[in-house]
Protein backbone atom coordinates (compact mmCIF):
# COMPACT_ATOMS: atom_id res chain seq x y z
CA MET A 1 13.07 -18.42 -1.69
CA ALA A 2 14.90 -21.54 -2.84
CA ARG A 3 16.55 -19.58 -5.62
CA ALA A 4 17.57 -16.79 -3.24
CA ALA A 5 18.95 -19.38 -0.82
CA GLY A 6 20.95 -21.19 -3.53
CA LYS A 7 18.94 -24.38 -3.09
CA LYS A 8 17.01 -26.61 -5.49
CA LYS A 9 13.99 -26.56 -3.21
CA VAL A 10 12.86 -25.52 0.26
CA GLU A 11 10.10 -26.85 2.50
CA ALA A 12 7.66 -25.05 4.79
CA GLY A 13 9.17 -24.68 8.24
CA GLU A 14 12.76 -24.75 6.98
CA ASN A 15 15.07 -21.90 8.02
CA VAL A 16 17.15 -20.53 5.15
CA TRP A 17 19.50 -17.64 4.51
CA VAL A 18 18.25 -15.67 1.51
CA GLN A 19 19.98 -13.06 -0.63
CA THR A 20 18.17 -9.73 -0.84
CA ASP A 21 17.35 -8.05 -4.15
CA ILE A 22 15.85 -4.83 -2.75
CA LEU A 23 15.77 -3.31 0.74
CA MET A 24 13.31 -0.44 1.17
CA THR A 25 12.95 1.86 4.15
CA HIS A 26 11.16 5.14 4.87
CA ASP A 27 11.14 8.11 7.23
CA VAL A 28 9.51 6.31 10.18
CA CYS A 29 11.80 3.26 10.32
CA GLY A 30 14.75 4.52 8.28
CA PRO A 31 16.49 6.46 11.07
CA GLY A 32 16.21 3.46 13.39
CA THR A 33 17.50 1.09 10.72
CA ILE A 34 20.42 3.41 10.02
CA GLY A 35 21.15 3.53 13.75
CA VAL A 36 21.27 -0.27 13.98
CA PHE A 37 23.44 -0.49 10.86
CA LYS A 38 25.99 2.00 12.22
CA ARG A 39 26.00 0.46 15.68
CA GLU A 40 26.64 -3.06 14.39
CA PHE A 41 28.84 -2.39 11.36
CA GLY A 42 30.55 0.86 12.30
CA GLU A 43 30.04 4.58 11.70
CA LYS A 44 32.03 4.45 8.47
CA ALA A 45 30.58 1.17 7.17
CA LYS A 46 29.11 1.00 3.66
CA VAL A 47 25.87 -0.71 2.70
CA TRP A 48 26.27 -4.08 1.01
CA ASP A 49 25.05 -2.83 -2.38
CA ARG A 50 24.18 0.82 -2.98
CA ASN A 51 22.02 -0.08 -5.99
CA LYS A 52 19.75 -2.31 -3.93
CA VAL A 53 18.79 0.13 -1.18
CA VAL A 54 15.69 2.24 -1.86
CA ILE A 55 14.73 5.04 0.54
CA ILE A 56 11.30 6.65 0.25
CA PRO A 57 10.12 9.26 2.78
CA ASP A 58 6.32 9.10 2.81
CA HIS A 59 4.74 8.67 6.25
CA TYR A 60 5.00 11.77 8.46
CA ILE A 61 5.94 14.30 5.81
CA PHE A 62 3.35 17.06 5.53
CA THR A 63 3.32 18.05 9.19
CA ALA A 64 4.86 20.88 11.17
CA ASP A 65 6.10 18.37 13.75
CA SER A 66 9.84 19.12 13.97
CA LYS A 67 10.91 15.58 14.85
CA SER A 68 9.05 14.19 11.83
CA ASN A 69 10.72 16.78 9.59
CA ARG A 70 14.09 15.88 11.12
CA ASN A 71 13.63 12.19 10.23
CA VAL A 72 13.66 13.12 6.54
CA ASP A 73 16.89 15.06 7.05
CA ILE A 74 18.49 12.02 8.74
CA LEU A 75 17.68 9.96 5.64
CA ARG A 76 19.20 12.61 3.38
CA GLU A 77 22.41 12.75 5.41
CA PHE A 78 22.78 8.96 5.21
CA VAL A 79 22.12 8.93 1.47
CA ARG A 80 24.81 11.56 1.03
CA GLU A 81 27.30 9.53 3.12
CA GLN A 82 26.57 6.34 1.18
CA ASN A 83 26.08 7.92 -2.26
CA LEU A 84 22.81 6.04 -2.74
CA PRO A 85 21.10 6.55 -6.12
CA TYR A 86 17.53 5.62 -5.13
CA PHE A 87 16.44 8.27 -2.66
CA TYR A 88 13.11 9.92 -3.42
CA ASP A 89 13.54 13.09 -1.38
CA VAL A 90 10.83 15.58 -0.45
CA ILE A 91 13.08 18.46 -1.51
CA ASP A 92 15.42 18.94 -4.47
CA ASP A 93 18.36 20.38 -2.50
CA ALA A 94 20.62 17.45 -1.57
CA ASN A 95 22.22 19.60 1.14
CA GLY A 96 19.05 21.24 2.36
CA THR A 97 16.64 20.59 5.23
CA TRP A 98 12.95 19.74 5.11
CA LYS A 99 10.38 21.88 6.86
CA PHE A 100 6.66 21.73 6.13
CA ASP A 101 5.01 25.16 5.96
CA PRO A 102 1.50 25.00 7.47
CA GLY A 103 0.94 28.61 6.38
CA ARG A 104 0.64 27.42 2.79
CA GLY A 105 -2.18 25.08 3.74
CA MET A 106 -2.62 21.34 3.32
CA LEU A 107 -3.97 21.22 -0.23
CA LYS A 108 -1.25 22.68 -2.44
CA ARG A 109 1.94 20.83 -3.33
CA GLN A 110 4.93 21.30 -1.03
CA TYR A 111 7.35 18.72 -2.45
CA GLY A 112 10.12 18.74 -5.03
CA SER A 113 10.63 16.87 -8.29
CA HIS A 114 12.19 13.72 -6.76
CA TYR A 115 9.42 12.98 -4.25
CA ALA A 116 7.65 9.66 -4.96
CA GLY A 117 4.84 9.38 -2.40
CA VAL A 118 3.69 6.23 -0.62
CA CYS A 119 6.52 3.67 -0.71
CA HIS A 120 4.46 0.61 -1.70
CA THR A 121 2.87 2.38 -4.66
CA ALA A 122 6.10 4.17 -5.57
CA LEU A 123 8.21 0.99 -5.65
CA PRO A 124 6.51 -0.42 -8.78
CA GLN A 125 6.08 3.03 -10.34
CA LYS A 126 9.83 3.63 -10.03
CA GLY A 127 10.81 0.20 -11.38
CA HIS A 128 11.85 -1.57 -8.18
CA THR A 129 9.46 -4.55 -8.24
CA ARG A 130 10.47 -7.54 -10.36
CA PRO A 131 9.15 -11.12 -10.61
CA GLY A 132 11.13 -13.78 -8.79
CA GLU A 133 13.00 -11.36 -6.54
CA ILE A 134 13.23 -10.93 -2.76
CA LEU A 135 12.05 -7.55 -1.48
CA PHE A 136 12.26 -6.54 2.16
CA GLY A 137 10.80 -3.32 3.52
CA THR A 138 10.57 -1.78 6.97
CA ASP A 139 6.81 -1.64 6.70
CA SER A 140 4.20 -4.34 7.17
CA HIS A 141 2.45 -3.58 3.87
CA THR A 142 5.57 -4.39 1.84
CA CYS A 143 3.67 -7.57 0.95
CA MET A 144 1.83 -5.46 -1.66
CA ALA A 145 4.69 -6.14 -4.11
CA GLY A 146 3.65 -9.79 -4.19
CA ALA A 147 1.26 -8.66 -6.93
CA PHE A 148 4.36 -8.66 -9.16
CA ASN A 149 5.20 -12.34 -8.60
CA GLU A 150 7.92 -11.77 -6.01
CA PHE A 151 8.51 -12.60 -2.36
CA ALA A 152 7.94 -9.32 -0.53
CA THR A 153 7.54 -8.93 3.21
CA GLY A 154 7.92 -6.43 6.01
CA ILE A 155 10.78 -6.62 8.50
CA GLY A 156 11.82 -4.70 11.60
CA ASN A 157 14.61 -2.17 12.01
CA THR A 158 17.05 -4.69 13.49
CA ASP A 159 16.64 -7.12 10.60
CA ALA A 160 16.81 -4.24 8.11
CA GLY A 161 20.02 -2.99 9.68
CA PHE A 162 21.51 -6.46 9.27
CA VAL A 163 20.36 -6.67 5.64
CA MET A 164 21.80 -3.23 5.00
CA GLY A 165 25.22 -4.50 6.02
CA THR A 166 25.17 -8.04 4.62
CA GLY A 167 22.45 -8.34 1.98
CA LYS A 168 21.20 -11.50 3.69
CA LEU A 169 18.47 -12.51 6.10
CA LEU A 170 17.47 -15.72 7.85
CA LEU A 171 13.84 -16.65 7.10
CA LYS A 172 11.53 -19.49 7.96
CA VAL A 173 9.77 -20.76 4.84
CA PRO A 174 6.04 -20.10 5.38
CA GLU A 175 3.22 -22.55 4.79
CA THR A 176 0.94 -21.60 1.90
CA MET A 177 -2.78 -20.84 1.80
CA HIS A 178 -4.44 -21.13 -1.61
CA PHE A 179 -7.07 -18.69 -2.87
CA ARG A 180 -8.46 -19.66 -6.27
CA LEU A 181 -10.33 -16.81 -7.94
CA GLU A 182 -13.01 -17.63 -10.50
CA GLY A 183 -15.47 -15.51 -12.47
CA LYS A 184 -15.52 -11.74 -12.87
CA LEU A 185 -16.45 -8.87 -10.55
CA GLN A 186 -19.83 -7.23 -11.06
CA PRO A 187 -20.28 -3.41 -11.33
CA GLY A 188 -19.87 -1.70 -7.96
CA VAL A 189 -17.67 -4.49 -6.60
CA MET A 190 -13.91 -3.93 -6.42
CA ALA A 191 -10.68 -5.73 -5.54
CA LYS A 192 -10.99 -4.41 -1.98
CA ASP A 193 -14.13 -6.52 -1.63
CA ILE A 194 -12.18 -9.62 -2.69
CA ILE A 195 -9.59 -9.28 0.05
CA LEU A 196 -12.16 -8.24 2.67
CA HIS A 197 -14.07 -11.41 1.79
CA CYS A 198 -10.96 -13.57 2.13
CA ILE A 199 -9.98 -12.02 5.46
CA GLY A 200 -13.55 -12.37 6.65
CA GLU A 201 -13.37 -16.09 5.89
CA ILE A 202 -10.16 -16.77 7.81
CA GLY A 203 -10.06 -13.99 10.42
CA PHE A 204 -7.56 -11.21 11.01
CA ASP A 205 -5.03 -13.73 12.38
CA GLY A 206 -6.01 -16.66 10.14
CA ALA A 207 -2.90 -16.44 7.96
CA THR A 208 -0.29 -15.79 10.64
CA TYR A 209 3.18 -16.36 9.14
CA ARG A 210 1.71 -17.95 6.05
CA ALA A 211 1.98 -17.15 2.35
CA LEU A 212 -1.25 -16.29 0.54
CA GLN A 213 -1.22 -17.56 -3.05
CA PHE A 214 -3.75 -16.08 -5.46
CA ASP A 215 -4.41 -17.73 -8.82
CA GLY A 216 -7.20 -19.11 -10.99
CA PRO A 217 -9.08 -18.00 -14.13
CA GLY A 218 -10.45 -14.90 -12.41
CA ILE A 219 -6.98 -13.36 -12.20
CA GLN A 220 -7.04 -12.42 -15.89
CA PHE A 221 -9.82 -9.92 -15.18
CA LEU A 222 -7.88 -8.19 -12.39
CA THR A 223 -5.61 -5.24 -13.21
CA MET A 224 -2.23 -4.80 -11.57
CA ASP A 225 -3.83 -2.17 -9.33
CA ASP A 226 -6.42 -4.77 -8.28
CA ARG A 227 -3.74 -7.32 -7.49
CA MET A 228 -1.79 -4.74 -5.49
CA THR A 229 -4.86 -4.00 -3.37
CA ILE A 230 -5.33 -7.70 -2.62
CA ALA A 231 -1.67 -8.45 -1.89
CA ASN A 232 -1.37 -5.33 0.27
CA MET A 233 -3.84 -6.63 2.83
CA ALA A 234 -2.36 -10.11 3.29
CA ILE A 235 -0.79 -8.72 6.45
CA GLU A 236 -4.26 -7.84 7.75
CA ALA A 237 -4.81 -11.58 8.14
CA GLY A 238 -1.34 -11.98 9.67
CA GLY A 239 0.21 -13.20 6.42
CA LYS A 240 3.96 -13.26 5.85
CA ASN A 241 3.49 -12.47 2.17
CA ALA A 242 1.11 -12.72 -0.78
CA ILE A 243 1.97 -13.78 -4.30
CA PHE A 244 0.24 -13.76 -7.69
CA GLU A 245 1.08 -15.82 -10.73
CA PHE A 246 3.14 -14.19 -13.46
CA ASP A 247 1.25 -13.37 -16.67
CA ASP A 248 1.30 -10.96 -19.61
CA GLN A 249 -0.08 -8.14 -17.45
CA THR A 250 2.76 -8.57 -14.97
CA ARG A 251 5.35 -8.62 -17.75
CA ALA A 252 3.97 -5.50 -19.42
CA ALA A 253 3.80 -3.50 -16.19
CA VAL A 254 7.27 -4.46 -14.96
CA ASP A 255 8.99 -4.06 -18.34
CA GLN A 256 7.44 -0.64 -18.92
CA ARG A 257 8.39 0.70 -15.50
CA CYS A 258 11.93 -0.67 -15.51
CA LYS A 259 12.52 0.80 -18.96
CA LEU A 260 11.00 4.16 -18.00
CA ASN A 261 13.13 4.49 -14.88
CA GLY A 262 16.33 2.85 -16.14
CA THR A 263 16.28 0.21 -13.41
CA LYS A 264 17.41 -3.40 -13.76
CA PRO A 265 15.41 -4.85 -16.71
CA THR A 266 16.09 -8.55 -16.22
CA TYR A 267 14.20 -10.96 -13.97
CA GLN A 268 13.20 -14.59 -13.69
CA PRO A 269 9.52 -15.20 -12.82
CA VAL A 270 8.55 -18.00 -10.47
CA GLN A 271 6.04 -20.63 -11.52
CA ARG A 272 3.77 -22.81 -9.43
CA ASP A 273 5.28 -25.98 -8.00
CA ARG A 274 3.67 -29.05 -9.55
CA LYS A 275 3.85 -30.70 -6.12
CA GLU A 276 2.60 -27.67 -4.22
CA LYS A 277 1.03 -28.27 -0.82
CA PHE A 278 -1.50 -26.05 0.89
CA VAL A 279 -2.61 -25.81 4.50
CA TYR A 280 -5.85 -24.13 3.44
CA GLU A 281 -7.80 -23.75 0.21
CA LEU A 282 -10.65 -21.40 -0.72
CA THR A 283 -12.36 -20.89 -4.07
CA VAL A 284 -13.88 -17.44 -4.52
CA ASP A 285 -16.56 -16.80 -7.14
CA LEU A 286 -15.89 -13.16 -8.00
CA SER A 287 -19.23 -12.81 -9.77
CA ALA A 288 -21.06 -13.61 -6.52
CA LEU A 289 -19.27 -11.04 -4.35
CA GLU A 290 -21.08 -7.94 -3.11
CA PRO A 291 -19.74 -4.67 -1.64
CA LEU A 292 -18.33 -5.36 1.82
CA VAL A 293 -17.27 -3.43 4.89
CA ALA A 294 -14.77 -4.46 7.57
CA CYS A 295 -16.14 -3.11 10.84
CA HIS A 296 -14.31 -1.70 13.84
CA PRO A 297 -12.10 -2.96 15.50
CA ASP A 298 -10.29 -5.25 13.01
CA PRO A 299 -10.22 -6.13 9.29
CA GLY A 300 -11.83 -9.51 9.86
CA GLN A 301 -15.20 -8.07 10.95
CA ARG A 302 -16.84 -8.46 7.53
CA LYS A 303 -20.40 -7.41 6.75
CA LEU A 304 -22.37 -6.57 3.61
CA ALA A 305 -22.57 -2.84 2.95
CA LYS A 306 -26.28 -3.10 2.15
CA GLU A 307 -26.94 -4.46 5.66
CA MET A 308 -25.19 -1.56 7.41
CA THR A 309 -27.24 1.44 6.32
CA ALA A 310 -28.14 2.21 9.93
CA THR A 311 -24.48 3.01 10.69
CA LYS A 312 -24.14 6.80 10.65
CA LEU A 313 -20.80 8.31 9.66
CA ASP A 314 -18.85 11.51 10.39
CA ARG A 315 -16.12 11.20 7.79
CA ALA A 316 -15.04 9.49 4.57
CA TYR A 317 -11.47 8.97 3.39
CA VAL A 318 -9.89 7.69 0.18
CA GLY A 319 -6.13 7.27 -0.01
CA SER A 320 -3.12 5.14 1.02
CA CYS A 321 -1.19 2.42 -0.82
CA THR A 322 -4.33 0.29 -0.77
CA GLY A 323 -6.94 2.80 -1.86
CA GLY A 324 -5.13 5.81 -3.29
CA LYS A 325 -4.20 4.59 -6.77
CA THR A 326 -5.45 6.19 -9.99
CA SER A 327 -8.00 3.43 -10.56
CA ASP A 328 -9.29 3.84 -7.01
CA PHE A 329 -9.98 7.54 -7.55
CA VAL A 330 -11.59 6.82 -10.92
CA GLU A 331 -14.16 4.53 -9.28
CA PHE A 332 -14.55 6.99 -6.40
CA ALA A 333 -15.32 9.75 -8.92
CA ARG A 334 -17.63 7.55 -10.97
CA VAL A 335 -20.00 7.28 -8.02
CA LEU A 336 -19.63 10.93 -6.96
CA GLN A 337 -19.92 12.57 -10.39
CA GLY A 338 -22.62 15.26 -10.43
CA LYS A 339 -23.47 14.78 -6.75
CA LYS A 340 -22.45 16.29 -3.39
CA VAL A 341 -21.06 14.56 -0.32
CA VAL A 342 -22.87 15.21 2.96
CA ILE A 343 -20.01 14.47 5.39
CA ASP A 344 -16.37 15.59 5.56
CA THR A 345 -14.59 13.70 2.79
CA PHE A 346 -10.84 13.58 2.23
CA GLY A 347 -8.86 12.43 -0.82
CA VAL A 348 -5.12 11.72 -0.66
CA PRO A 349 -3.50 10.31 -3.84
CA ALA A 350 -0.72 7.85 -3.08
CA THR A 351 1.90 9.40 -5.39
CA PRO A 352 2.57 12.61 -7.34
CA GLU A 353 2.09 10.64 -10.55
CA ILE A 354 -1.46 9.85 -9.46
CA VAL A 355 -2.06 13.53 -8.70
CA HIS A 356 -0.96 14.28 -12.27
CA ASP A 357 -3.24 11.56 -13.67
CA LEU A 358 -6.27 12.97 -11.89
CA GLN A 359 -5.48 16.57 -12.80
CA THR A 360 -5.00 15.84 -16.51
CA ALA A 361 -7.50 13.07 -17.35
CA ARG A 362 -10.77 14.64 -18.48
CA TRP A 363 -14.36 13.51 -18.36
CA GLY A 364 -15.99 15.91 -20.79
CA ASP A 365 -15.10 19.46 -19.79
CA LYS A 366 -13.78 18.53 -16.32
CA THR A 367 -10.72 16.73 -15.01
CA ILE A 368 -11.34 13.87 -12.62
CA TRP A 369 -9.78 16.03 -9.94
CA GLN A 370 -12.36 18.75 -10.59
CA VAL A 371 -15.19 16.20 -10.54
CA LEU A 372 -14.09 15.24 -7.02
CA VAL A 373 -13.61 18.81 -5.82
CA ASP A 374 -17.01 19.80 -7.20
CA ALA A 375 -18.53 16.90 -5.28
CA GLY A 376 -17.14 18.41 -2.08
CA VAL A 377 -14.08 16.22 -1.60
CA GLN A 378 -11.09 17.90 0.06
CA MET A 379 -8.34 16.82 -2.33
CA THR A 380 -4.68 17.38 -1.43
CA GLU A 381 -1.79 17.45 -3.88
CA ASN A 382 0.53 16.37 -1.06
CA ALA A 383 0.59 12.68 -1.87
CA GLY A 384 1.56 10.43 1.01
CA CYS A 385 0.39 8.17 3.81
CA ALA A 386 -1.38 11.04 5.64
CA ALA A 387 -4.11 9.88 8.05
CA CYS A 388 -3.97 6.19 7.15
CA LEU A 389 -1.83 5.63 10.23
CA GLY A 390 -2.83 8.67 12.28
CA GLY A 391 0.35 10.70 12.44
CA PRO A 392 0.94 14.01 14.24
CA VAL A 393 -2.20 15.95 15.17
CA ASP A 394 -1.92 18.30 12.18
CA THR A 395 -1.92 15.43 9.66
CA PHE A 396 -4.41 15.93 6.80
CA GLY A 397 -7.58 13.93 7.44
CA ARG A 398 -6.53 12.69 10.89
CA MET A 399 -9.33 12.04 13.37
CA ASN A 400 -8.64 14.10 16.48
CA ALA A 401 -12.01 13.25 18.05
CA PRO A 402 -14.01 10.01 18.51
CA LEU A 403 -15.50 10.04 15.01
CA LYS A 404 -16.78 7.28 12.74
CA CYS A 405 -15.00 7.11 9.40
CA ILE A 406 -15.42 4.92 6.35
CA SER A 407 -12.07 4.54 4.64
CA ALA A 408 -10.45 2.94 1.60
CA THR A 409 -7.30 2.30 3.64
CA ASN A 410 -6.08 -1.05 4.95
CA ARG A 411 -6.18 -1.17 8.76
CA ASN A 412 -8.79 -0.29 11.36
CA PHE A 413 -7.47 -1.27 14.77
CA PRO A 414 -8.35 1.22 17.56
CA GLY A 415 -6.46 4.49 17.15
CA ARG A 416 -5.17 3.64 13.68
CA MET A 417 -6.36 6.89 12.07
CA GLY A 418 -5.98 9.10 15.13
CA HIS A 419 -8.18 9.28 18.21
CA LYS A 420 -8.12 6.01 20.15
CA GLU A 421 -11.92 6.04 20.51
CA SER A 422 -12.58 6.70 16.82
CA GLN A 423 -13.99 3.92 14.65
CA VAL A 424 -12.80 3.03 11.16
CA PHE A 425 -14.85 1.01 8.68
CA LEU A 426 -12.81 -0.36 5.76
CA ALA A 427 -14.39 -0.46 2.31
CA SER A 428 -13.72 -0.02 -1.39
CA PRO A 429 -13.46 3.48 -2.89
CA ALA A 430 -16.87 2.94 -4.52
CA THR A 431 -18.47 2.07 -1.18
CA VAL A 432 -16.72 5.01 0.48
CA ALA A 433 -18.17 7.30 -2.20
CA ALA A 434 -21.72 5.98 -1.77
CA SER A 435 -21.41 6.38 2.00
CA ALA A 436 -20.06 9.94 1.69
CA LEU A 437 -23.12 10.83 -0.38
CA SER A 438 -25.49 9.21 2.11
CA GLY A 439 -24.03 10.10 5.52
CA HIS A 440 -24.22 6.43 6.46
CA ILE A 441 -22.71 3.21 5.13
CA ALA A 442 -24.23 2.57 1.70
CA ASP A 443 -24.02 0.12 -1.18
CA PRO A 444 -22.48 1.81 -4.26
CA ARG A 445 -24.72 -0.17 -6.60
CA THR A 446 -27.57 2.09 -5.48
CA PHE A 447 -25.84 5.00 -7.23
CA LEU A 448 -24.58 3.09 -10.28
CA SER A 449 -27.81 1.45 -11.37
């Protein structure tokens, strides 16, 4: 933040104007942001830097709801007016209109070649996350990009409209909470269990407007996907942002994606301050963690999965920016392989690239996708946010009745995945798989031993 503010250093509580490196918006908040931008800067105004605005429709896409379809068209019209290069449209026709066809069903692909899927997973895949940068997004889970050693946070439409016109935003420097990770995860335990443990320790509002810093010797054993899962849910404790230290894994992931997509290849990582100050410190022994579940009605209601076997379930769901990555589905399939689920189970890959991974990677004579389908999982090729945040009533996987669902997503406040009286239990993909096989919350280690 000091670098982006043109200062040698900044202190917690200080208000500073920062320069923006990337502004991301999507179909839910994009039209509102565009409206604010045009109202404040003029109908003919141009964005401050066309190469720094990234627009990714992903939320209410695969629905017959006409207003949701229209939101995507509003984005396309704005992109055309501004000549923006980074628009990951649902359709290939730059002058066309989007309309989901329910007659073709929910499972088969209905998007074009530019579509990128869930914004937070697509941003790094498309080469828009770089160490040391400032990333704003009109979505609370923008903090996921902190896995890449950058300051990333969600902002509202008004702030985004201002950034769109000026490239600047006034921020208060957050205090920092320190999470030192030691040891190595045991089989059946995943990154989701790490962040559920941390939130369980501090509460779902325990990090309000604070930065969550993750470091320590345990980081070397966490993949970039793992780090993304952890950073993603900083907001579930009220955090302003999360950030991981830069290392060889970060460098390799960022360099490969920037080169692949032809995006800006240069960056300047940030290192820990030798005089760093923390308002809270927690050391987590990864080797001692067990599979966890965050119970209804908030992510701070942590319990051990093995102690919740009496909780019967109606549905299981794997998907979203948090739980819909390739590695998430691999662990999901590892538990399910050769078995059958006993409750309705839905799988929604976060991006088209992940769909391709699952449909081409083979375990023996079957693709991972086929392993999941054979286990009874309803897998859709229409990558996106889907039921993670409810959506229109025809959204794939949405709960339209007061059901109990175990989900690999990130938020479980009342009504989050649909019906306001439904209950959502957050868990890792492995724990979701074990529970789908059992019909009740279950510890995945039972099926892996």
